[in-house]
């Protein structure tokens, strides 16, 4: 038989023997005809030997002054010791997996998608009468199809279409009423008006009559491109005005920045903590001495996105909180950068900051408060329906 296979099934004990003239101990082993699988000298008084588990009782029976200790196992013995050491974790994983299988076949929500509340209520009642509701086991595809046909046949004068879709532990029910759809003309007569108080910087008109010019000041709601085409004092025709308008818009942005900032510094201590997550609640396993402050990375051990249960491994690193103190000038620079970023995040493509300046700032409660003024190049045009 292959030696590795024999070693695994027999089981190997790793023994550490300590004492003077260690060769004498080894001679005892040879006399007992014990098969030495490996010998490793640590120093002149310490040696590690590997023997089969069946020979361990012979070694224990040696009457000697040498100190003999078991330091490890290999093969099936190592597997048994590992199972004993992590028994609770293994049981948690097995129970969790079985629970996961159970939960993955239970429905936690039934959502009926329709704008009419009476239709949603009707479908919900019909489904509940057929045991398609929360906290019940999932139905098979054929059962869902049969239920759908029954409801459609019963309400064929009211319902046009029905679909029951299983998404994880949820049923999404889509329904459509039987009715004659009105043909809606999507063409609309409209003006292009200003969305804000601004100074016009650019007008790109595609259709309609321009009634404002570059550098004109406009208020919110003022018409800039009109859908009414004038001929003298009378409206000759009405069109769908279209185009883009850019203007100079003004903003006051307020931000704050702390004078004392706390940063996290790792201590070098780390550990793995297993956690059970159920319905957004987290339970740590065997974490008797939790870190006061830590950073974590999570890895799935047992998980299924379709059910609200999982077991995760939390790789924790201990950190200490260190305070960083800023001068007023440093805090002001950072607050200004924060205000600029806040303004730029608001802007779309082709929009930009024309000018900016600090209005005022003050310090209170260990924070610097800054107010900044921004002059912005921005799209200010929006359509507004012409109602005759």
Protein backbone atom coordinates (compact mmCIF):
# COMPACT_ATOMS: atom_id res chain seq x y z
CA UNK A 1 0.00 0.00 0.00
CA UNK A 2 1.16 3.55 -0.72
CA UNK A 3 3.02 4.89 2.33
CA UNK A 4 1.08 8.19 2.45
CA UNK A 5 -2.19 6.27 2.34
CA UNK A 6 -0.98 3.88 5.07
CA UNK A 7 0.12 6.83 7.21
CA UNK A 8 -3.29 8.48 6.84
CA UNK A 9 -5.37 5.42 7.78
CA UNK A 10 -3.07 4.23 10.56
CA UNK A 11 -2.75 7.65 12.16
CA UNK A 12 0.58 9.12 13.24
CA UNK A 13 1.58 10.62 16.61
CA UNK A 14 4.31 13.25 16.84
CA UNK A 15 6.20 12.90 20.16
CA UNK A 16 8.72 15.19 21.76
CA UNK A 17 11.22 13.48 24.10
CA UNK A 18 13.43 15.53 26.41
CA UNK A 19 16.30 14.44 28.62
CA UNK A 20 20.06 13.86 28.85
CA UNK A 21 21.63 11.32 26.50
CA UNK A 22 18.65 11.23 24.19
CA UNK A 23 20.22 8.31 22.32
CA UNK A 24 19.29 6.07 25.26
CA UNK A 25 15.60 6.86 24.71
CA UNK A 26 15.90 6.02 21.03
CA UNK A 27 17.54 2.71 21.90
CA UNK A 28 14.47 1.85 24.00
CA UNK A 29 12.33 2.53 20.95
CA UNK A 30 14.46 0.25 18.74
CA UNK A 31 14.32 -2.56 21.33
CA UNK A 32 10.52 -2.43 21.33
CA UNK A 33 10.62 -2.82 17.53
CA UNK A 34 8.62 0.39 17.06
CA UNK A 35 8.63 1.68 13.51
CA UNK A 36 10.16 5.20 13.53
CA UNK A 37 8.63 7.12 10.64
CA UNK A 38 10.76 10.24 11.19
CA UNK A 39 13.38 11.56 13.61
CA UNK A 40 14.29 15.22 14.03
CA UNK A 41 16.88 16.42 16.53
CA UNK A 42 16.07 19.83 18.01
CA UNK A 43 19.20 19.92 20.16
CA UNK A 44 21.28 17.47 22.24
CA UNK A 45 18.45 16.99 24.75
CA UNK A 46 15.34 17.24 22.57
CA UNK A 47 14.12 15.08 19.72
CA UNK A 48 10.90 14.84 17.68
CA UNK A 49 9.82 11.40 16.50
CA UNK A 50 6.87 10.19 14.46
CA UNK A 51 5.33 6.78 15.18
CA UNK A 52 2.12 4.96 14.31
CA UNK A 53 -0.71 5.47 16.77
CA UNK A 54 -0.82 1.72 17.46
CA UNK A 55 2.70 1.92 18.96
CA UNK A 56 1.96 4.88 21.22
CA UNK A 57 0.92 2.71 24.20
CA UNK A 58 4.30 0.93 24.04
CA UNK A 59 6.10 4.28 24.30
CA UNK A 60 3.92 5.36 27.24
CA UNK A 61 4.79 2.08 28.98
CA UNK A 62 8.54 2.78 28.92
CA UNK A 63 9.77 3.42 32.48
CA UNK A 64 12.24 6.22 32.06
CA UNK A 65 13.18 9.64 33.36
CA UNK A 66 12.76 11.19 29.91
CA UNK A 67 9.97 13.77 29.55
CA UNK A 68 7.59 12.57 26.81
CA UNK A 69 4.85 14.80 25.34
CA UNK A 70 2.54 14.55 22.35
CA UNK A 71 2.93 17.68 20.20
CA UNK A 72 0.84 16.80 17.18
CA UNK A 73 -0.97 14.31 15.00
CA UNK A 74 -1.04 13.37 11.33
CA UNK A 75 -3.43 11.41 9.14
CA UNK A 76 -6.87 10.54 10.45
CA UNK A 77 -5.87 11.52 14.01
CA UNK A 78 -5.20 15.07 12.87
CA UNK A 79 -8.59 15.12 11.18
CA UNK A 80 -10.28 13.93 14.39
CA UNK A 81 -8.49 16.56 16.48
CA UNK A 82 -9.43 19.25 13.99
CA UNK A 83 -13.07 18.21 14.15
CA UNK A 84 -12.99 18.29 17.97
CA UNK A 85 -11.34 21.71 18.00
CA UNK A 86 -13.82 23.27 15.55
CA UNK A 87 -16.87 21.17 16.40
CA UNK A 88 -19.11 24.12 17.21
CA UNK A 89 -18.15 25.90 14.01
CA UNK A 90 -18.76 22.78 11.91
CA UNK A 91 -22.13 22.23 13.58
CA UNK A 92 -23.02 25.89 12.96
CA UNK A 93 -22.12 25.55 9.28
CA UNK A 94 -24.10 22.30 8.87
CA UNK A 95 -27.15 23.66 10.70
CA UNK A 96 -26.85 26.93 8.82
CA UNK A 97 -26.69 25.16 5.47
CA UNK A 98 -29.74 23.05 6.29
CA UNK A 99 -31.55 26.16 7.48
CA UNK A 100 -30.49 27.88 4.29
CA UNK A 101 -32.03 25.11 2.19
CA UNK A 102 -35.22 25.40 4.21
CA UNK A 103 -35.44 29.19 3.90
CA UNK A 104 -34.65 29.13 0.18
CA UNK A 105 -37.95 27.31 -0.36
CA UNK A 106 -40.07 29.73 1.68
CA UNK A 107 -41.71 32.87 0.25
CA UNK A 108 -41.06 36.03 2.30
CA UNK A 109 -42.95 38.54 0.16
CA UNK A 110 -45.55 38.75 -2.61
CA UNK A 111 -45.51 41.97 -4.63
CA UNK A 112 -48.30 42.79 -7.08
CA UNK A 113 -47.16 45.38 -9.63
CA UNK A 114 -49.97 47.63 -10.83
CA UNK A 115 -50.89 51.31 -10.49
CA UNK A 116 -54.52 50.57 -9.53
CA UNK A 117 -54.92 49.72 -5.83
CA UNK A 118 -58.18 47.80 -6.37
CA UNK A 119 -56.48 45.55 -8.94
CA UNK A 120 -53.58 44.90 -6.56
CA UNK A 121 -55.99 43.99 -3.77
CA UNK A 122 -58.01 41.69 -6.06
CA UNK A 123 -54.92 39.74 -7.19
CA UNK A 124 -53.52 39.52 -3.64
CA UNK A 125 -56.79 38.00 -2.35
CA UNK A 126 -57.01 35.50 -5.23
CA UNK A 127 -53.39 34.41 -4.70
CA UNK A 128 -53.84 34.07 -0.93
CA UNK A 129 -56.88 31.79 -1.46
CA UNK A 130 -54.55 29.52 -3.44
CA UNK A 131 -51.83 29.58 -0.73
CA UNK A 132 -49.56 31.87 -2.69
CA UNK A 133 -48.64 34.21 0.16
CA UNK A 134 -45.93 35.05 2.68
CA UNK A 135 -44.41 32.35 4.93
CA UNK A 136 -45.61 29.52 2.67
CA UNK A 137 -43.51 27.12 0.64
CA UNK A 138 -42.80 27.87 -3.00
CA UNK A 139 -45.07 26.44 -5.67
CA UNK A 140 -43.78 24.55 -8.66
CA UNK A 141 -43.79 26.12 -12.11
CA UNK A 142 -46.80 24.03 -13.18
CA UNK A 143 -48.73 25.04 -10.06
CA UNK A 144 -48.04 28.73 -10.73
CA UNK A 145 -49.16 28.36 -14.36
CA UNK A 146 -52.35 26.64 -13.26
CA UNK A 147 -53.06 29.41 -10.72
CA UNK A 148 -52.48 32.08 -13.37
CA UNK A 149 -54.90 30.42 -15.81
CA UNK A 150 -57.56 30.04 -13.10
CA UNK A 151 -57.44 33.75 -12.20
CA UNK A 152 -57.46 34.87 -15.84
CA UNK A 153 -60.43 32.62 -16.63
CA UNK A 154 -62.35 33.87 -13.60
CA UNK A 155 -61.74 37.55 -14.43
CA UNK A 156 -61.42 37.38 -18.21
CA UNK A 157 -63.56 40.50 -18.67
CA UNK A 158 -61.30 42.52 -16.38
CA UNK A 159 -57.80 41.08 -16.75
CA UNK A 160 -55.85 40.95 -19.98
CA UNK A 161 -52.58 39.43 -18.80
CA UNK A 162 -51.02 37.99 -15.64
CA UNK A 163 -47.51 36.74 -14.87
CA UNK A 164 -46.11 35.28 -11.63
CA UNK A 165 -42.32 35.47 -11.43
CA UNK A 166 -40.21 33.87 -8.70
CA UNK A 167 -37.28 36.07 -7.70
CA UNK A 168 -35.36 34.43 -4.86
CA UNK A 169 -37.78 34.21 -1.93
CA UNK A 170 -40.25 36.64 -3.45
CA UNK A 171 -43.10 36.45 -5.93
CA UNK A 172 -43.43 39.41 -8.31
CA UNK A 173 -46.87 39.40 -9.88
CA UNK A 174 -47.38 41.57 -12.97
CA UNK A 175 -50.90 42.19 -14.19
CA UNK A 176 -52.57 44.20 -16.93
CA UNK A 177 -56.22 45.23 -17.06
CA UNK A 178 -58.36 44.49 -20.11
CA UNK A 179 -59.21 47.88 -21.56
CA UNK A 180 -59.03 49.81 -24.80
CA UNK A 181 -55.89 51.86 -24.79
CA UNK A 182 -56.24 55.47 -25.79
CA UNK A 183 -54.00 56.67 -28.58
CA UNK A 184 -51.96 59.52 -27.15
CA UNK A 185 -50.34 62.07 -29.43
CA UNK A 186 -46.85 62.57 -28.01
CA UNK A 187 -46.39 65.87 -29.90
CA UNK A 188 -46.60 68.88 -27.58
CA UNK A 189 -46.64 72.59 -28.23
CA UNK A 190 -44.16 74.14 -25.83
CA UNK A 191 -41.99 77.08 -24.84
CA UNK A 192 -38.43 76.87 -23.54
CA UNK A 193 -38.26 78.73 -20.23
CA UNK A 194 -35.59 79.50 -17.65
CA UNK A 195 -35.29 77.20 -14.66
CA UNK A 196 -33.46 79.82 -12.56
CA UNK A 197 -32.64 83.47 -12.14
CA UNK A 198 -29.65 83.96 -14.45
CA UNK A 199 -27.87 86.02 -17.10
CA UNK A 200 -28.10 84.45 -20.56
CA UNK A 201 -24.69 83.53 -22.02
CA UNK A 202 -25.67 81.36 -24.99
CA UNK A 203 -28.81 80.37 -26.92
CA UNK A 204 -28.84 77.41 -29.34
CA UNK A 205 -32.36 77.50 -30.80
CA UNK A 206 -33.58 74.63 -32.99
CA UNK A 207 -37.26 75.56 -33.29
CA UNK A 208 -39.31 78.51 -32.11
CA UNK A 209 -38.90 82.27 -31.77
CA UNK A 210 -36.10 83.70 -29.58
CA UNK A 211 -37.56 86.38 -27.32
CA UNK A 212 -34.51 86.98 -25.08
CA UNK A 213 -30.94 87.81 -26.06
CA UNK A 214 -27.41 87.15 -24.80
CA UNK A 215 -26.58 89.09 -21.59
CA UNK A 216 -30.29 89.54 -20.76
CA UNK A 217 -31.24 88.91 -17.13
CA UNK A 218 -34.07 86.39 -16.75
CA UNK A 219 -36.08 85.16 -13.83
CA UNK A 220 -37.22 81.61 -13.19
CA UNK A 221 -40.10 80.82 -15.56
CA UNK A 222 -39.34 83.53 -18.12
CA UNK A 223 -39.82 82.45 -21.75
CA UNK A 224 -36.58 82.49 -23.74
CA UNK A 225 -37.59 80.51 -26.87
CA UNK A 226 -41.29 80.86 -27.61
CA UNK A 227 -43.44 78.27 -29.36
CA UNK A 228 -45.75 81.06 -30.60
CA UNK A 229 -44.47 82.44 -33.89
CA UNK A 230 -45.56 86.09 -34.17
CA UNK A 231 -46.44 88.03 -37.31
CA UNK A 232 -46.81 91.59 -36.29
CA UNK A 233 -49.03 91.66 -33.22
CA UNK A 234 -50.70 88.33 -33.95
CA UNK A 235 -49.72 84.67 -33.50
CA UNK A 236 -49.28 83.15 -36.93
CA UNK A 237 -48.67 79.60 -35.70
CA UNK A 238 -47.72 77.53 -32.66
CA UNK A 239 -44.79 75.09 -32.73
CA UNK A 240 -42.86 72.85 -30.38
CA UNK A 241 -40.01 75.13 -29.31
CA UNK A 242 -36.70 73.36 -28.88
CA UNK A 243 -33.12 74.32 -28.06
CA UNK A 244 -30.52 74.73 -25.34
CA UNK A 245 -29.85 77.79 -23.22
CA UNK A 246 -26.80 78.38 -21.05
CA UNK A 247 -26.62 81.09 -18.44
CA UNK A 248 -24.61 82.50 -15.58
CA UNK A 249 -26.07 81.18 -12.31
CA UNK A 250 -25.00 82.00 -8.75
CA UNK A 251 -24.65 79.73 -5.74
CA UNK A 252 -23.62 80.08 -2.10
CA UNK A 253 -22.11 76.82 -0.81
CA UNK A 254 -21.65 76.19 2.92
CA UNK A 255 -19.27 73.50 4.22
CA UNK A 256 -17.59 72.58 7.48
CA UNK A 257 -14.30 70.88 8.32
CA UNK A 258 -13.12 69.58 11.73
CA UNK A 259 -10.01 71.03 13.37
CA UNK A 260 -9.38 67.64 15.00
CA UNK A 261 -9.56 64.62 12.69
CA UNK A 262 -9.41 61.04 13.95
CA UNK A 263 -7.45 58.50 11.91
CA UNK A 264 -7.12 54.74 12.42
CA UNK A 265 -3.66 53.15 12.85
CA UNK A 266 -3.24 49.35 12.82
CA UNK A 267 -1.53 47.74 15.84
CA UNK A 268 -0.57 44.52 14.04
CA UNK A 269 -2.98 42.33 16.02
CA UNK A 270 -5.43 40.35 13.93
CA UNK A 271 -7.92 37.49 14.20
CA UNK A 272 -10.72 35.76 12.31
CA UNK A 273 -14.23 35.86 13.75
CA UNK A 274 -17.09 33.79 12.34
CA UNK A 275 -20.52 35.43 12.36
CA UNK A 276 -24.08 34.32 11.68
CA UNK A 277 -26.25 36.85 9.81
CA UNK A 278 -30.01 36.38 9.96
CA UNK A 279 -32.60 38.99 8.91
CA UNK A 280 -29.97 41.76 9.04
CA UNK A 281 -28.95 40.80 12.59
CA UNK A 282 -25.36 39.66 13.20
CA UNK A 283 -24.26 37.18 15.89
CA UNK A 284 -20.53 36.65 16.52
CA UNK A 285 -19.31 33.12 17.40
CA UNK A 286 -16.64 32.53 20.08
CA UNK A 287 -15.46 36.16 20.12
CA UNK A 288 -14.72 36.35 23.85
CA UNK A 289 -12.25 39.25 23.64
CA UNK A 290 -13.42 41.66 20.92
CA UNK A 291 -11.17 44.47 19.74
CA UNK A 292 -12.15 47.91 21.02
CA UNK A 293 -11.55 49.38 17.55
CA UNK A 294 -11.01 47.44 14.35
CA UNK A 295 -11.25 47.32 10.59
CA UNK A 296 -12.91 44.33 8.97
CA UNK A 297 -13.02 42.41 5.71
CA UNK A 298 -15.86 39.96 5.20
CA UNK A 299 -15.82 36.66 3.31
CA UNK A 300 -18.81 34.37 2.73
CA UNK A 301 -18.63 30.88 4.24
CA UNK A 302 -22.25 29.83 3.72
CA UNK A 303 -24.38 32.28 1.75
CA UNK A 304 -27.20 32.49 -0.74
CA UNK A 305 -28.47 35.86 -2.00
CA UNK A 306 -31.96 34.45 -2.21
CA UNK A 307 -32.45 33.92 1.56
CA UNK A 308 -31.85 36.16 4.61
CA UNK A 309 -29.31 33.83 6.28
CA UNK A 310 -25.56 33.44 5.93
CA UNK A 311 -22.34 32.62 7.79
CA UNK A 312 -19.42 34.97 7.18
CA UNK A 313 -15.77 35.16 8.20
CA UNK A 314 -14.71 38.55 9.55
CA UNK A 315 -10.95 39.11 9.16
CA UNK A 316 -10.35 41.74 11.83
CA UNK A 317 -7.36 44.05 12.30
CA UNK A 318 -7.07 45.97 15.56
CA UNK A 319 -6.62 49.72 15.23
CA UNK A 320 -6.04 52.63 17.59
CA UNK A 321 -7.60 56.04 17.06
CA UNK A 322 -5.08 58.84 16.51
CA UNK A 323 -6.11 62.51 16.56
CA UNK A 324 -4.75 64.79 13.83
CA UNK A 325 -4.91 68.50 14.69
CA UNK A 326 -5.18 71.09 11.89
CA UNK A 327 -4.30 74.77 12.04
CA UNK A 328 -6.95 77.29 11.00
CA UNK A 329 -5.15 77.80 7.68
CA UNK A 330 -4.94 74.07 6.92
CA UNK A 331 -8.62 73.58 7.76
CA UNK A 332 -9.56 76.56 5.56
CA UNK A 333 -7.70 75.09 2.55
CA UNK A 334 -9.40 71.72 3.01
CA UNK A 335 -12.84 73.30 3.48
CA UNK A 336 -12.38 75.31 0.27
CA UNK A 337 -11.45 72.15 -1.65
CA UNK A 338 -14.50 70.44 -0.19
CA UNK A 339 -16.79 73.28 -1.35
CA UNK A 340 -15.32 73.20 -4.88
CA UNK A 341 -15.83 69.45 -5.09
CA UNK A 342 -19.40 69.79 -3.85
CA UNK A 343 -20.14 72.40 -6.53
CA UNK A 344 -18.51 70.42 -9.35
CA UNK A 345 -20.40 67.23 -8.44
CA UNK A 346 -23.65 69.15 -9.02
CA UNK A 347 -22.70 70.19 -12.57
CA UNK A 348 -23.39 68.19 -15.74
CA UNK A 349 -21.33 67.85 -18.89
CA UNK A 350 -20.57 71.20 -20.60
CA UNK A 351 -21.24 73.04 -17.32
CA UNK A 352 -18.39 74.58 -15.32
CA UNK A 353 -17.42 77.08 -12.63
CA UNK A 354 -16.71 80.53 -14.07
CA UNK A 355 -15.50 82.16 -10.86
CA UNK A 356 -15.46 81.61 -7.11
CA UNK A 357 -14.53 83.43 -3.93
CA UNK A 358 -14.64 82.97 -0.18
CA UNK A 359 -17.39 85.02 1.46
CA UNK A 360 -16.82 84.36 5.15
CA UNK A 361 -15.73 81.74 7.63
CA UNK A 362 -15.72 81.23 11.39
CA UNK A 363 -14.62 78.63 13.93
CA UNK A 364 -16.91 77.08 16.54
CA UNK A 365 -17.08 73.75 18.38
CA UNK A 366 -13.71 72.59 16.99
CA UNK A 367 -14.96 73.07 13.41
CA UNK A 368 -14.30 75.60 10.66
CA UNK A 369 -17.44 76.81 8.86
CA UNK A 370 -16.95 78.28 5.37
CA UNK A 371 -19.35 79.97 2.95
CA UNK A 372 -18.25 80.33 -0.70
CA UNK A 373 -19.77 82.11 -3.69
CA UNK A 374 -19.75 80.42 -7.11
CA UNK A 375 -20.51 81.86 -10.54
CA UNK A 376 -21.45 78.93 -12.81
CA UNK A 377 -21.99 78.33 -16.54
CA UNK A 378 -25.12 76.13 -16.52
CA UNK A 379 -27.90 74.80 -18.74
CA UNK A 380 -30.99 76.78 -17.65
CA UNK A 381 -33.52 75.84 -20.36
CA UNK A 382 -36.50 73.55 -19.80
CA UNK A 383 -39.71 72.91 -21.83
CA UNK A 384 -43.10 74.16 -20.65
CA UNK A 385 -46.34 73.08 -22.32
CA UNK A 386 -48.39 75.67 -24.19
CA UNK A 387 -52.01 75.35 -23.11
CA UNK A 388 -54.53 77.03 -25.44
